[in-house]
Protein backbone atom coordinates (compact mmCIF):
# COMPACT_ATOMS: atom_id res chain seq x y z
CA UNK A 1 -14.88 -19.38 3.88
CA UNK A 2 -17.08 -17.92 1.17
CA UNK A 3 -15.00 -15.90 -1.29
CA UNK A 4 -16.08 -13.80 -4.25
CA UNK A 5 -14.35 -11.43 -6.68
CA UNK A 6 -16.13 -8.50 -8.36
CA UNK A 7 -14.59 -6.67 -11.32
CA UNK A 8 -16.10 -3.38 -12.46
CA UNK A 9 -14.53 -1.88 -15.57
CA UNK A 10 -15.03 1.35 -17.51
CA UNK A 11 -12.91 3.04 -20.14
CA UNK A 12 -11.00 5.07 -17.53
CA UNK A 13 -10.98 2.77 -14.51
CA UNK A 14 -10.89 -0.86 -13.43
CA UNK A 15 -11.89 -1.73 -9.87
CA UNK A 16 -11.53 -5.13 -8.26
CA UNK A 17 -13.29 -5.98 -4.98
CA UNK A 18 -12.47 -9.12 -3.01
CA UNK A 19 -15.23 -10.26 -0.67
CA UNK A 20 -14.86 -12.80 2.13
CA UNK A 21 -17.93 -14.00 4.03
CA UNK A 22 -20.00 -11.18 2.49
CA UNK A 23 -17.55 -8.53 3.71
CA UNK A 24 -15.30 -6.35 1.56
CA UNK A 25 -11.68 -7.06 2.50
CA UNK A 26 -9.63 -5.78 -0.44
CA UNK A 27 -9.99 -3.14 -3.13
CA UNK A 28 -7.69 -2.58 -6.08
CA UNK A 29 -7.99 0.30 -8.52
CA UNK A 30 -6.23 0.81 -11.85
CA UNK A 31 -6.43 4.08 -13.77
CA UNK A 32 -4.51 5.24 -16.88
CA UNK A 33 -2.97 8.22 -15.08
CA UNK A 34 -1.83 6.03 -12.19
CA UNK A 35 -0.57 2.93 -13.99
CA UNK A 36 0.82 0.12 -11.85
CA UNK A 37 4.54 -0.48 -12.18
CA UNK A 38 5.40 -3.28 -9.74
CA UNK A 39 6.84 -6.20 -11.72
CA UNK A 40 7.83 -4.13 -14.78
CA UNK A 41 11.37 -4.84 -16.02
CA UNK A 42 13.57 -2.06 -17.43
CA UNK A 43 16.97 -1.64 -18.95
CA UNK A 44 18.15 1.18 -16.72
CA UNK A 45 21.19 3.42 -16.59
CA UNK A 46 23.10 4.02 -13.35
CA UNK A 47 23.04 7.76 -12.65
CA UNK A 48 24.82 7.84 -9.31
CA UNK A 49 26.54 5.42 -6.92
CA UNK A 50 26.45 6.40 -3.25
CA UNK A 51 28.94 4.41 -1.15
CA UNK A 52 27.82 6.19 2.02
CA UNK A 53 24.43 4.47 1.97
CA UNK A 54 25.48 1.51 -0.21
CA UNK A 55 22.90 2.37 -2.85
CA UNK A 56 22.60 3.66 -6.39
CA UNK A 57 20.11 5.71 -8.36
CA UNK A 58 19.04 4.21 -11.68
CA UNK A 59 17.29 6.06 -14.50
CA UNK A 60 14.37 3.94 -15.74
CA UNK A 61 12.47 6.76 -17.42
CA UNK A 62 10.35 7.83 -14.43
CA UNK A 63 10.18 11.41 -13.11
CA UNK A 64 12.55 10.52 -10.27
CA UNK A 65 15.41 8.05 -10.54
CA UNK A 66 14.82 4.62 -9.04
CA UNK A 67 16.53 3.57 -5.80
CA UNK A 68 18.65 0.39 -5.87
CA UNK A 69 20.14 -0.89 -2.62
CA UNK A 70 23.21 -3.08 -2.41
CA UNK A 71 21.14 -5.94 -0.97
CA UNK A 72 19.10 -6.01 -4.20
CA UNK A 73 22.10 -6.62 -6.45
CA UNK A 74 23.06 -9.96 -7.97
CA UNK A 75 26.66 -11.00 -7.42
CA UNK A 76 28.77 -14.14 -7.50
CA UNK A 77 29.48 -15.85 -4.21
CA UNK A 78 32.17 -18.19 -3.00
CA UNK A 79 32.24 -20.03 0.27
CA UNK A 80 32.71 -23.36 1.98
CA UNK A 81 29.79 -25.70 2.22
CA UNK A 82 28.60 -26.15 5.76
CA UNK A 83 25.86 -28.70 5.35
CA UNK A 84 23.16 -28.86 7.96
CA UNK A 85 22.36 -32.50 8.60
CA UNK A 86 18.59 -32.21 8.64
CA UNK A 87 18.40 -29.26 6.23
CA UNK A 88 15.73 -27.59 8.39
CA UNK A 89 17.33 -24.15 8.44
CA UNK A 90 17.79 -24.22 4.69
CA UNK A 91 14.16 -25.19 4.16
CA UNK A 92 12.94 -22.46 6.48
CA UNK A 93 15.07 -19.91 4.61
CA UNK A 94 13.68 -21.14 1.29
CA UNK A 95 10.12 -20.98 2.60
CA UNK A 96 10.57 -17.44 3.88
CA UNK A 97 12.05 -16.45 0.51
CA UNK A 98 9.15 -18.18 -1.21
CA UNK A 99 6.57 -16.15 0.69
CA UNK A 100 8.46 -12.95 -0.15
CA UNK A 101 8.72 -13.81 -3.84
CA UNK A 102 5.08 -14.82 -4.04
CA UNK A 103 4.12 -11.47 -2.53
CA UNK A 104 6.07 -9.76 -5.31
CA UNK A 105 4.36 -11.92 -7.90
CA UNK A 106 0.99 -10.86 -6.57
CA UNK A 107 2.01 -7.23 -6.68
CA UNK A 108 1.85 -7.06 -2.90
CA UNK A 109 5.38 -6.83 -1.62
CA UNK A 110 8.94 -5.69 -2.05
CA UNK A 111 11.78 -7.81 -3.28
CA UNK A 112 12.49 -11.18 -1.69
CA UNK A 113 15.46 -11.63 0.60
CA UNK A 114 18.80 -11.12 -1.21
CA UNK A 115 19.71 -13.93 -3.61
CA UNK A 116 23.16 -14.68 -4.95
CA UNK A 117 24.51 -16.50 -7.93
CA UNK A 118 26.11 -19.86 -7.26
CA UNK A 119 25.53 -22.39 -4.52
CA UNK A 120 23.69 -25.69 -4.43
CA UNK A 121 20.04 -26.41 -4.88
CA UNK A 122 18.33 -28.30 -2.10
CA UNK A 123 19.30 -28.98 1.52
CA UNK A 124 22.40 -27.71 3.24
CA UNK A 125 23.46 -24.32 4.49
CA UNK A 126 26.28 -22.17 3.09
CA UNK A 127 28.66 -19.99 5.01
CA UNK A 128 28.37 -16.77 3.00
CA UNK A 129 31.04 -14.17 2.76
CA UNK A 130 30.14 -10.53 3.09
CA UNK A 131 28.63 -8.86 0.02
CA UNK A 132 30.98 -6.67 -2.02
CA UNK A 133 30.61 -2.92 -1.79
CA UNK A 134 28.28 -1.35 -4.30
CA UNK A 135 31.03 0.89 -5.71
CA UNK A 136 32.95 -2.27 -6.67
CA UNK A 137 29.95 -3.64 -8.59
CA UNK A 138 28.33 -0.61 -10.24
CA UNK A 139 29.74 2.39 -12.09
CA UNK A 140 28.05 5.57 -13.23
CA UNK A 141 26.69 5.24 -16.77
CA UNK A 142 26.49 1.44 -16.58
CA UNK A 143 23.45 -0.33 -18.11
CA UNK A 144 21.54 -2.71 -15.84
CA UNK A 145 18.39 -4.83 -15.98
CA UNK A 146 16.17 -4.00 -13.00
CA UNK A 147 12.63 -4.78 -11.89
CA UNK A 148 10.31 -2.41 -10.03
CA UNK A 149 9.59 -3.71 -6.52
CA UNK A 150 7.99 -0.57 -5.08
CA UNK A 151 6.15 2.22 -6.86
CA UNK A 152 6.86 5.94 -6.31
CA UNK A 153 5.39 7.01 -2.98
CA UNK A 154 5.07 10.64 -1.86
CA UNK A 155 8.39 12.37 -2.63
CA UNK A 156 10.30 9.13 -3.24
CA UNK A 157 10.98 7.55 -6.60
CA UNK A 158 10.40 3.84 -7.32
CA UNK A 159 12.52 1.13 -5.74
CA UNK A 160 14.06 -1.48 -8.01
CA UNK A 161 15.90 -4.76 -7.68
CA UNK A 162 18.34 -6.57 -9.95
CA UNK A 163 17.00 -9.87 -8.59
CA UNK A 164 14.39 -10.34 -11.31
CA UNK A 165 11.42 -12.69 -10.83
CA UNK A 166 8.77 -13.71 -13.36
CA UNK A 167 5.40 -14.87 -12.06
CA UNK A 168 3.32 -17.65 -13.50
CA UNK A 169 0.13 -19.09 -12.10
CA UNK A 170 1.82 -21.87 -10.13
CA UNK A 171 5.51 -20.88 -10.13
CA UNK A 172 7.72 -17.84 -9.78
CA UNK A 173 10.88 -18.12 -11.87
CA UNK A 174 14.02 -16.34 -10.63
CA UNK A 175 16.82 -16.45 -13.21
CA UNK A 176 19.52 -15.34 -10.75
CA UNK A 177 18.56 -17.65 -7.86
CA UNK A 178 19.92 -21.10 -7.18
CA UNK A 179 17.32 -22.86 -5.08
CA UNK A 180 13.77 -24.17 -5.11
CA UNK A 181 11.43 -22.75 -2.48
CA UNK A 182 7.84 -23.51 -1.54
CA UNK A 183 5.35 -21.10 -0.01
CA UNK A 184 5.00 -21.66 3.72
CA UNK A 185 1.24 -21.28 3.26
CA UNK A 186 1.22 -24.76 1.70
CA UNK A 187 0.34 -27.50 4.19
CA UNK A 188 2.85 -29.49 6.12
CA UNK A 189 6.60 -29.78 5.71
CA UNK A 190 6.24 -33.19 4.03
CA UNK A 191 4.03 -31.66 1.33
CA UNK A 192 6.50 -28.83 0.75
CA UNK A 193 9.33 -31.34 0.39
CA UNK A 194 7.29 -33.32 -2.14
CA UNK A 195 6.59 -30.22 -4.22
CA UNK A 196 10.21 -29.14 -4.01
CA UNK A 197 11.36 -32.52 -5.30
CA UNK A 198 8.85 -32.36 -8.18
CA UNK A 199 10.07 -28.97 -9.33
CA UNK A 200 13.76 -29.80 -8.91
CA UNK A 201 13.31 -32.74 -11.26
CA UNK A 202 12.03 -30.49 -14.09
CA UNK A 203 14.27 -27.45 -13.51
CA UNK A 204 17.22 -27.43 -15.93
CA UNK A 205 20.64 -27.13 -14.31
CA UNK A 206 22.16 -23.65 -14.12
CA UNK A 207 18.84 -22.15 -15.19
CA UNK A 208 17.99 -20.25 -12.01
CA UNK A 209 15.62 -20.90 -9.12
CA UNK A 210 11.91 -21.40 -8.67
CA UNK A 211 9.24 -20.72 -6.07
CA UNK A 212 6.15 -22.92 -5.86
CA UNK A 213 3.18 -20.63 -5.27
CA UNK A 214 0.30 -21.34 -2.91
CA UNK A 215 -2.12 -22.25 -5.74
CA UNK A 216 0.38 -24.88 -6.98
CA UNK A 217 -0.37 -27.31 -4.15
CA UNK A 218 -2.34 -29.82 -6.25
CA UNK A 219 -0.57 -29.29 -9.58
CA UNK A 220 1.01 -32.16 -11.51
CA UNK A 221 4.68 -32.37 -12.41
CA UNK A 222 3.77 -32.06 -16.10
CA UNK A 223 2.00 -28.74 -15.45
CA UNK A 224 4.99 -27.46 -13.49
CA UNK A 225 7.29 -28.40 -16.36
CA UNK A 226 5.11 -26.70 -18.98
CA UNK A 227 4.82 -23.45 -17.04
CA UNK A 228 8.51 -23.44 -16.15
CA UNK A 229 9.50 -23.71 -19.81
CA UNK A 230 7.17 -20.81 -20.62
CA UNK A 231 8.74 -18.62 -17.94
CA UNK A 232 12.30 -19.51 -18.96
CA UNK A 233 11.39 -18.69 -22.57
CA UNK A 234 9.95 -15.36 -21.40
CA UNK A 235 13.21 -14.51 -19.64
CA UNK A 236 15.26 -15.49 -22.71
CA UNK A 237 13.19 -13.04 -24.79
CA UNK A 238 13.83 -10.25 -22.26
CA UNK A 239 17.59 -10.90 -22.37
CA UNK A 240 17.58 -10.83 -26.18
CA UNK A 241 15.41 -7.71 -26.29
CA UNK A 242 17.93 -5.64 -24.33
CA UNK A 243 20.41 -6.05 -27.18
CA UNK A 244 18.34 -4.17 -29.76
CA UNK A 245 16.13 -1.72 -27.81
CA UNK A 246 18.79 0.98 -27.97
CA UNK A 247 20.28 3.06 -25.17
CA UNK A 248 18.63 2.98 -21.74
CA UNK A 249 16.23 3.68 -20.18
CA UNK A 250 13.94 1.23 -22.01
CA UNK A 251 11.00 -0.93 -20.93
CA UNK A 252 11.79 -4.62 -21.51
CA UNK A 253 8.76 -6.30 -19.96
CA UNK A 254 5.38 -5.05 -18.73
CA UNK A 255 3.73 -6.91 -15.87
CA UNK A 256 0.31 -8.29 -16.74
CA UNK A 257 -2.82 -6.12 -16.33
CA UNK A 258 -4.68 -5.84 -13.03
CA UNK A 259 -7.49 -8.10 -14.24
CA UNK A 260 -5.20 -10.84 -15.53
CA UNK A 261 -3.04 -10.56 -12.44
CA UNK A 262 -6.06 -11.13 -10.19
CA UNK A 263 -7.11 -14.17 -12.25
CA UNK A 264 -3.57 -15.56 -12.20
CA UNK A 265 -2.87 -14.95 -8.52
CA UNK A 266 -6.23 -15.34 -6.77
CA UNK A 267 -8.86 -17.08 -8.86
CA UNK A 268 -8.87 -20.76 -7.94
CA UNK A 269 -11.24 -23.43 -6.64
CA UNK A 270 -11.22 -21.56 -3.32
CA UNK A 271 -13.15 -18.69 -4.95
CA UNK A 272 -16.88 -19.37 -5.32
CA UNK A 273 -17.66 -16.81 -8.00
CA UNK A 274 -16.11 -14.10 -10.16
CA UNK A 275 -18.52 -11.48 -11.50
CA UNK A 276 -17.65 -8.97 -14.25
CA UNK A 277 -19.81 -6.07 -15.44
CA UNK A 278 -18.01 -5.49 -18.76
CA UNK A 279 -18.59 -7.75 -21.76
CA UNK A 280 -15.11 -7.00 -23.10
CA UNK A 281 -13.39 -7.87 -19.81
CA UNK A 282 -15.61 -10.94 -19.43
CA UNK A 283 -14.45 -12.23 -22.83
CA UNK A 284 -10.82 -11.54 -21.89
CA UNK A 285 -11.21 -13.46 -18.63
CA UNK A 286 -12.81 -16.45 -20.33
CA UNK A 287 -10.14 -16.47 -23.05
CA UNK A 288 -7.36 -16.30 -20.42
CA UNK A 289 -8.91 -19.08 -18.32
CA UNK A 290 -9.29 -21.29 -21.38
CA UNK A 291 -5.52 -21.44 -21.57
CA UNK A 292 -4.63 -21.81 -17.88
CA UNK A 293 -7.65 -23.17 -15.96
CA UNK A 294 -10.66 -24.12 -18.14
CA UNK A 295 -12.33 -25.86 -15.19
CA UNK A 296 -12.94 -22.45 -13.59
CA UNK A 297 -14.86 -20.87 -16.49
CA UNK A 298 -18.21 -21.98 -15.03
CA UNK A 299 -17.54 -19.79 -11.99
CA UNK A 300 -17.31 -16.62 -14.11
CA UNK A 301 -20.50 -14.59 -14.50
CA UNK A 302 -21.36 -11.53 -16.58
CA UNK A 303 -23.37 -8.92 -14.65
CA UNK A 304 -26.08 -7.55 -16.94
CA UNK A 305 -28.45 -6.10 -14.36
CA UNK A 306 -29.36 -2.41 -14.62
CA UNK A 307 -28.28 -1.91 -11.00
CA UNK A 308 -24.49 -1.31 -10.98
CA UNK A 309 -22.48 -4.31 -9.83
CA UNK A 310 -20.85 -2.62 -6.82
CA UNK A 311 -24.18 -1.09 -5.75
CA UNK A 312 -25.95 -4.44 -5.87
CA UNK A 313 -23.30 -6.08 -3.74
CA UNK A 314 -23.31 -3.22 -1.22
CA UNK A 315 -19.64 -2.60 -2.01
CA UNK A 316 -20.02 1.03 -3.11
CA UNK A 317 -21.18 2.08 0.34
CA UNK A 318 -18.18 0.44 1.98
CA UNK A 319 -15.83 2.13 -0.49
CA UNK A 320 -17.32 5.53 0.37
CA UNK A 321 -16.55 4.82 4.04
CA UNK A 322 -12.97 3.89 3.16
CA UNK A 323 -11.46 7.21 4.23
CA UNK A 324 -13.37 7.76 7.44
CA UNK A 325 -11.28 8.00 10.60
CA UNK A 326 -13.78 6.06 12.65
CA UNK A 327 -14.76 2.41 12.16
CA UNK A 328 -17.51 1.05 14.41
CA UNK A 329 -17.30 -2.40 16.01
CA UNK A 330 -20.25 -4.81 16.43
CA UNK A 331 -20.44 -4.49 20.23
CA UNK A 332 -20.52 -0.67 20.23
CA UNK A 333 -16.81 0.09 20.44
CA UNK A 334 -14.86 1.75 17.64
CA UNK A 335 -11.37 2.32 16.26
CA UNK A 336 -9.80 5.56 15.03
CA UNK A 337 -7.32 5.32 12.13
CA UNK A 338 -4.88 8.23 11.70
CA UNK A 339 -2.30 8.14 8.85
CA UNK A 340 0.79 10.27 9.54
CA UNK A 341 4.05 10.85 7.70
CA UNK A 342 5.99 8.33 9.81
CA UNK A 343 3.39 5.70 10.65
CA UNK A 344 -0.29 4.86 10.93
CA UNK A 345 -1.75 5.03 14.44
CA UNK A 346 -4.87 3.08 15.38
CA UNK A 347 -6.69 3.75 18.65
CA UNK A 348 -9.22 1.33 20.13
CA UNK A 349 -12.11 2.68 22.23
CA UNK A 350 -14.90 0.87 24.09
CA UNK A 351 -17.47 3.49 23.06
CA UNK A 352 -20.95 2.73 24.35
CA UNK A 353 -20.09 -0.91 25.13
CA UNK A 354 -19.83 -1.23 28.91
CA UNK A 355 -20.40 -4.97 29.32
CA UNK A 356 -22.14 -6.45 32.34
CA UNK A 357 -20.01 -7.37 35.35
CA UNK A 358 -16.46 -8.39 34.47
CA UNK A 359 -14.41 -5.38 33.18
CA UNK A 360 -11.63 -7.65 31.85
CA UNK A 361 -14.09 -9.60 29.70
CA UNK A 362 -15.57 -6.35 28.40
CA UNK A 363 -12.15 -4.98 27.44
CA UNK A 364 -10.98 -8.26 25.92
CA UNK A 365 -14.14 -8.61 23.80
CA UNK A 366 -13.72 -5.08 22.44
CA UNK A 367 -10.03 -5.67 21.70
CA UNK A 368 -10.75 -8.97 19.91
CA UNK A 369 -13.32 -7.26 17.68
CA UNK A 370 -10.84 -4.45 17.07
CA UNK A 371 -8.07 -6.91 16.12
CA UNK A 372 -10.28 -8.45 13.43
CA UNK A 373 -11.35 -5.06 12.10
CA UNK A 374 -7.80 -3.67 12.11
CA UNK A 375 -6.57 -6.59 9.98
CA UNK A 376 -9.44 -6.00 7.53
CA UNK A 377 -8.94 -2.24 7.35
CA UNK A 378 -5.21 -2.57 6.65
CA UNK A 379 -5.97 -4.78 3.65
CA UNK A 380 -8.92 -2.70 2.51
CA UNK A 381 -7.09 0.64 2.70
CA UNK A 382 -3.84 -0.90 1.42
CA UNK A 383 -1.95 0.62 4.33
CA UNK A 384 1.79 -0.03 4.40
CA UNK A 385 4.79 0.71 6.58
CA UNK A 386 4.77 0.97 10.37
CA UNK A 387 1.44 0.60 12.20
CA UNK A 388 0.98 1.16 15.93
CA UNK A 389 -2.23 -0.13 17.54
CA UNK A 390 -3.26 1.25 20.94
CA UNK A 391 -5.57 -1.38 22.40
CA UNK A 392 -7.54 -0.88 25.61
CA UNK A 393 -5.37 -1.84 28.60
CA UNK A 394 -5.73 -5.48 29.63
CA UNK A 395 -4.81 -6.73 33.08
CA UNK A 396 -3.79 -10.33 32.33
CA UNK A 397 -1.12 -11.72 30.04
CA UNK A 398 -3.59 -14.36 28.83
CA UNK A 399 -5.91 -11.62 27.52
CA UNK A 400 -3.04 -9.79 25.80
CA UNK A 401 -1.81 -13.00 24.16
CA UNK A 402 -5.35 -13.83 23.02
CA UNK A 403 -5.73 -10.46 21.30
CA UNK A 404 -2.30 -10.69 19.68
CA UNK A 405 -3.06 -14.17 18.36
CA UNK A 406 -6.40 -13.00 16.96
CA UNK A 407 -4.66 -10.16 15.14
CA UNK A 408 -1.99 -12.46 13.73
CA UNK A 409 -4.59 -15.01 12.61
CA UNK A 410 -6.51 -12.45 10.58
CA UNK A 411 -3.32 -10.86 9.25
CA UNK A 412 -2.46 -14.33 7.91
CA UNK A 413 -5.18 -13.88 5.28
CA UNK A 414 -3.35 -10.86 3.89
CA UNK A 415 -1.33 -11.36 0.69
CA UNK A 416 1.10 -8.66 1.78
CA UNK A 417 3.75 -9.68 4.28
CA UNK A 418 2.91 -8.51 7.79
CA UNK A 419 4.55 -8.88 11.18
CA UNK A 420 2.96 -8.09 14.54
CA UNK A 421 5.15 -7.84 17.62
CA UNK A 422 4.28 -8.66 21.22
CA UNK A 423 2.16 -6.28 23.31
CA UNK A 424 4.36 -3.62 24.94
CA UNK A 425 4.18 -2.43 28.54
CA UNK A 426 2.07 0.48 27.35
CA UNK A 427 -0.50 -1.86 25.77
CA UNK A 428 0.64 -1.13 22.20
CA UNK A 429 1.05 -3.62 19.38
CA UNK A 430 3.63 -2.52 16.85
CA UNK A 431 3.50 -4.09 13.41
CA UNK A 432 4.65 -3.65 9.83
CA UNK A 433 2.90 -4.29 6.54
CA UNK A 434 4.60 -4.37 3.17
CA UNK A 435 4.16 -1.27 1.09
CA UNK A 436 4.68 -1.35 -2.68
CA UNK A 437 2.46 1.56 -3.69
CA UNK A 438 0.57 4.46 -2.19
CA UNK A 439 -2.37 3.61 0.05
CA UNK A 440 -5.85 4.40 -1.28
CA UNK A 441 -5.89 7.37 1.12
CA UNK A 442 -2.89 8.97 -0.60
CA UNK A 443 -3.74 7.80 -4.14
CA UNK A 444 -7.36 9.01 -4.16
CA UNK A 445 -7.13 12.14 -2.02
CA UNK A 446 -4.99 15.28 -1.92
CA UNK A 447 -4.15 17.74 0.86
CA UNK A 448 -6.89 20.24 1.67
CA UNK A 449 -5.88 23.67 0.29
CA UNK A 450 -7.49 25.33 3.31
CA UNK A 451 -6.09 23.32 6.21
CA UNK A 452 -2.92 22.16 4.36
CA UNK A 453 -3.72 18.54 5.10
CA UNK A 454 -4.16 18.83 8.87
CA UNK A 455 -7.90 18.25 8.68
CA UNK A 456 -8.60 21.27 10.91
CA UNK A 457 -9.29 24.98 10.37
CA UNK A 458 -9.13 27.95 12.76
CA UNK A 459 -12.16 28.64 14.93
CA UNK A 460 -14.34 31.71 14.32
CA UNK A 461 -12.95 33.41 17.44
CA UNK A 462 -9.36 32.83 16.27
CA UNK A 463 -10.12 34.37 12.86
CA UNK A 464 -11.78 37.40 14.50
CA UNK A 465 -8.73 37.94 16.74
CA UNK A 466 -6.43 37.75 13.71
CA UNK A 467 -8.62 40.27 11.89
CA UNK A 468 -8.60 42.58 14.93
CA UNK A 469 -4.79 42.53 15.11
CA UNK A 470 -4.53 43.27 11.37
CA UNK A 471 -6.83 46.32 11.72
CA UNK A 472 -4.75 47.64 14.62
CA UNK A 473 -1.59 47.28 12.49
CA UNK A 474 -3.23 49.47 9.83
CA UNK A 475 -3.94 52.13 12.46
CA UNK A 476 -0.41 51.92 13.90
CA UNK A 477 1.00 53.02 10.53
CA UNK A 478 -1.09 56.18 10.54
CA UNK A 479 -3.61 55.20 7.85
CA UNK A 480 -7.05 56.75 8.29
CA UNK A 481 -8.97 55.39 5.28
CA UNK A 482 -12.26 53.70 6.16
CA UNK A 483 -12.07 49.91 5.79
CA UNK A 484 -14.46 47.17 4.74
CA UNK A 485 -13.76 43.99 6.71
CA UNK A 486 -14.91 40.88 4.83
CA UNK A 487 -15.44 37.63 6.76
CA UNK A 488 -16.84 34.19 5.89
CA UNK A 489 -20.60 34.01 6.65
CA UNK A 490 -20.15 31.76 9.71
CA UNK A 491 -17.51 34.06 11.19
CA UNK A 492 -19.55 37.19 10.45
CA UNK A 493 -22.53 35.58 12.18
CA UNK A 494 -20.31 34.82 15.18
CA UNK A 495 -19.36 38.53 15.44
CA UNK A 496 -23.00 39.66 15.23
CA UNK A 497 -24.21 37.20 17.85
CA UNK A 498 -21.29 36.68 20.23
CA UNK A 499 -19.30 39.93 20.00
CA UNK A 500 -21.88 42.60 19.17
CA UNK A 501 -19.78 45.46 20.57
CA UNK A 502 -16.57 44.48 18.77
CA UNK A 503 -16.84 46.74 15.71
CA UNK A 504 -17.93 49.79 17.73
CA UNK A 505 -15.14 49.26 20.26
CA UNK A 506 -12.56 48.74 17.49
CA UNK A 507 -13.61 51.91 15.63
CA UNK A 508 -13.28 53.92 18.81
CA UNK A 509 -9.76 52.59 19.44
CA UNK A 510 -8.35 53.15 15.92
CA UNK A 511 -10.03 56.42 14.97
CA UNK A 512 -11.56 55.56 11.58
CA UNK A 513 -14.64 53.76 10.28
CA UNK A 514 -15.01 49.99 9.76
CA UNK A 515 -17.80 48.24 7.90
CA UNK A 516 -18.44 44.50 8.39
CA UNK A 517 -19.55 42.36 5.42
CA UNK A 518 -19.92 38.62 4.91
CA UNK A 519 -18.35 37.08 1.79
CA UNK A 520 -19.35 33.49 0.87
CA UNK A 521 -16.42 33.29 -1.55
CA UNK A 522 -13.88 33.41 1.27
CA UNK A 523 -12.34 30.22 2.66
CA UNK A 524 -13.58 29.20 6.15
CA UNK A 525 -10.47 30.62 7.86
CA UNK A 526 -9.86 33.68 5.63
CA UNK A 527 -10.63 37.40 5.97
CA UNK A 528 -10.00 40.50 3.85
CA UNK A 529 -9.32 44.18 4.55
CA UNK A 530 -10.46 46.42 1.68
CA UNK A 531 -10.04 50.23 1.48
CA UNK A 532 -13.58 51.61 1.23
CA UNK A 533 -14.23 53.56 -1.97
CA UNK A 534 -10.96 52.54 -3.62
CA UNK A 535 -11.73 48.80 -3.37
CA UNK A 536 -8.04 48.07 -2.81
CA UNK A 537 -7.27 44.84 -0.91
CA UNK A 538 -4.56 45.48 1.70
CA UNK A 539 -4.88 42.19 3.64
CA UNK A 540 -1.49 40.77 2.68
CA UNK A 541 0.32 43.80 4.13
CA UNK A 542 -1.10 43.44 7.63
CA UNK A 543 -2.39 39.89 8.24
CA UNK A 544 0.68 38.10 9.57
CA UNK A 545 -0.85 36.16 12.47
């Protein structure tokens, strides 16, 4: 697969575009007013402990207190060893935890599965006792080191975890863990076992746990050791810093910048080229690579063309289409993407594609194209939470399984954790995608002040009927002052062309004069009633519905 990274930077914005096979698949944006928080470590202060939901609210200095669930605490654990002879379950658990932790390191996911102090490193499975209640662990006013795992979204504050993890290029260090995990995206089980053994040999006892990241597949033991010592030293500095920063809330550690994070997490031999349009950022990238991967410097290019970088690559056009509801498919079908408060719904339509003879083949082809595009759009729009996909009904189980497998295959390229469930009886595929920040739709747009975010406004006929009822309310109160009725130009034109007799008929029914005027300053679904001569606006008194 051909992969390329484009970085466009100005004083107020940094944009990163990830391109696979000449197609934009991921966009990340960093602005000063919307600074990224995932990975930041704070010394927080517990504001409230809520036993009813086994959670606490922690003040970390943000507008709203951060949410800390009981499952994200670190606590000591006792229990009898119940070794599994082949260690398979333990390795699977470690691999799942590795994928979760790596997602956090890449700024793409929430906290890994709960980790506890104590236990053995390596094979074997423990019989764990139930976690203590949060009210037995935390008290109001207590200081606590926490790490942001999810940024504030909508009306919710950030989510934090006490299970801190520090990301390097090849490893993720977890000071409160007790095992070594390897990303499941790395090769076969034998290779994961080899990497696990390498890291275990360089990890000091009682110094926490480690995750081997996907890019660490071909790394030497010496490199693992060097990076591990750096990460342990970083954690030691954070622990020392909390002692002299003063009373909480205080920032103890800031996660690396967007540009450095992309270089650390994504830029490897699997990326053909990285292009930057800022000399300053280019120098920073080269300097950073000199220390961690000098062999990749030749793949970095400075864009000096007069044509903007994103325009030359055709990326700007795709970004402009980012918020459209409709996405066309190659065969002529299309998908409709509708974000709602609870979930994101995606509807697949065959459009103008009618196939030739076999209806099942026609439907399956459209659904396969839709599955690929849905996976791309979720990454591109940074959609998170629950997603429901309404594919075109398929008759055979083989066709449904084929579409589901295609979706899962393309979701596998996503850095965020995703899970797609089997096709339901109604032909729906329900899935989830990790959400750590607002989607681009919510971050870059705001509700329409006219339609209040519904995306629709009243028709001209509806506005005219509302105006007519308001005028009749004026007459019912005995007022006889002549009125000027102001309407948006399109609505006024509707009255003059479609309801020519309206004003004359209305005047006759109410007993006083009415003058119609168009007002381009009015919103599309607004009207005004003004007392003629006095110029007094009386709309608010009579326009209720």
